[in-house]
Amino acid sequence: MGHNYAKPLTSGQKMERLLGRIPPSWHVVVERQAGEAQWRALAHAPGQDGAWSGLHPDPADALEDSWRRNRTVTV
């Protein structure tokens, strides 16, 4: 029987990978409401209105959600 020894990415590694894929000209915001443990993010091309991510317990997951929602927008 085979085993999968791949380790999942840490939040920092995932954030680094995402920021390397999002174009430098894009607007990126990651925020957490005071008193909450949930994060949301917004990443969009210049001159475009982007969609905020849903709420996530990990900021990297929030950024990935917004990136997926907005990356199909062409500039």
Protein backbone atom coordinates (compact mmCIF):
# COMPACT_ATOMS: atom_id res chain seq x y z
CA MET A 1 0.00 0.00 0.00
CA GLY A 2 1.37 3.41 -0.95
CA HIS A 3 1.64 6.30 1.47
CA ASN A 4 1.40 10.00 0.82
CA TYR A 5 4.19 11.73 2.70
CA ALA A 6 3.55 15.17 1.23
CA LYS A 7 3.21 17.80 3.93
CA PRO A 8 0.53 20.45 3.45
CA LEU A 9 1.78 24.00 3.00
CA THR A 10 1.92 26.20 6.07
CA SER A 11 -0.12 29.40 6.02
CA GLY A 12 3.06 31.41 5.39
CA GLN A 13 4.16 29.19 2.51
CA LYS A 14 0.69 29.36 0.96
CA MET A 15 0.65 33.17 1.30
CA GLU A 16 4.10 33.41 -0.30
CA ARG A 17 3.00 31.21 -3.22
CA LEU A 18 -0.17 33.27 -3.75
CA LEU A 19 1.63 36.62 -3.63
CA GLY A 20 4.08 35.27 -6.21
CA ARG A 21 1.20 34.45 -8.57
CA ILE A 22 -0.86 37.64 -8.13
CA PRO A 23 0.44 40.34 -10.52
CA PRO A 24 2.31 43.16 -8.72
CA SER A 25 -0.04 45.76 -10.20
CA TRP A 26 -3.06 44.22 -8.47
CA HIS A 27 -4.62 45.74 -5.35
CA VAL A 28 -4.43 43.31 -2.39
CA VAL A 29 -6.13 43.73 1.00
CA VAL A 30 -6.29 41.16 3.80
CA GLU A 31 -8.23 42.13 6.90
CA ARG A 32 -9.67 40.76 10.10
CA GLN A 33 -12.52 42.40 11.95
CA ALA A 34 -11.67 43.37 15.53
CA GLY A 35 -12.76 40.71 17.98
CA GLU A 36 -13.20 38.00 15.33
CA ALA A 37 -11.02 35.07 14.29
CA GLN A 38 -12.14 35.21 10.66
CA TRP A 39 -10.27 36.79 7.75
CA ARG A 40 -11.41 38.17 4.41
CA ALA A 41 -9.39 39.36 1.44
CA LEU A 42 -9.71 41.36 -1.75
CA ALA A 43 -7.38 41.02 -4.74
CA HIS A 44 -8.25 42.68 -8.04
CA ALA A 45 -6.75 44.20 -11.16
CA PRO A 46 -6.29 47.98 -11.42
CA GLY A 47 -9.43 49.74 -12.59
CA GLN A 48 -11.62 46.72 -11.78
CA ASP A 49 -14.06 46.13 -8.96
CA GLY A 50 -13.09 42.91 -7.24
CA ALA A 51 -15.16 40.56 -5.13
CA TRP A 52 -14.27 40.06 -1.48
CA SER A 53 -13.61 36.54 -0.33
CA GLY A 54 -15.83 34.76 2.12
CA LEU A 55 -14.75 34.57 5.75
CA HIS A 56 -11.94 32.10 6.48
CA PRO A 57 -10.02 31.15 9.64
CA ASP A 58 -6.71 31.42 7.71
CA PRO A 59 -5.68 34.65 5.89
CA ALA A 60 -4.03 32.64 3.08
CA ASP A 61 -7.31 30.81 2.42
CA ALA A 62 -9.14 34.14 2.26
CA LEU A 63 -6.60 35.53 -0.24
CA GLU A 64 -6.82 32.39 -2.37
CA ASP A 65 -10.63 32.65 -2.40
CA SER A 66 -10.51 36.26 -3.63
CA TRP A 67 -7.79 35.44 -6.20
CA ARG A 68 -9.94 32.64 -7.63
CA ARG A 69 -13.00 34.89 -7.78
CA ASN A 70 -11.21 37.75 -9.54
CA ARG A 71 -8.46 36.25 -11.70
CA THR A 72 -10.76 35.61 -14.67
CA VAL A 73 -11.32 39.36 -15.04
CA THR A 74 -9.31 40.55 -18.03
CA VAL A 75 -7.61 43.93 -18.03
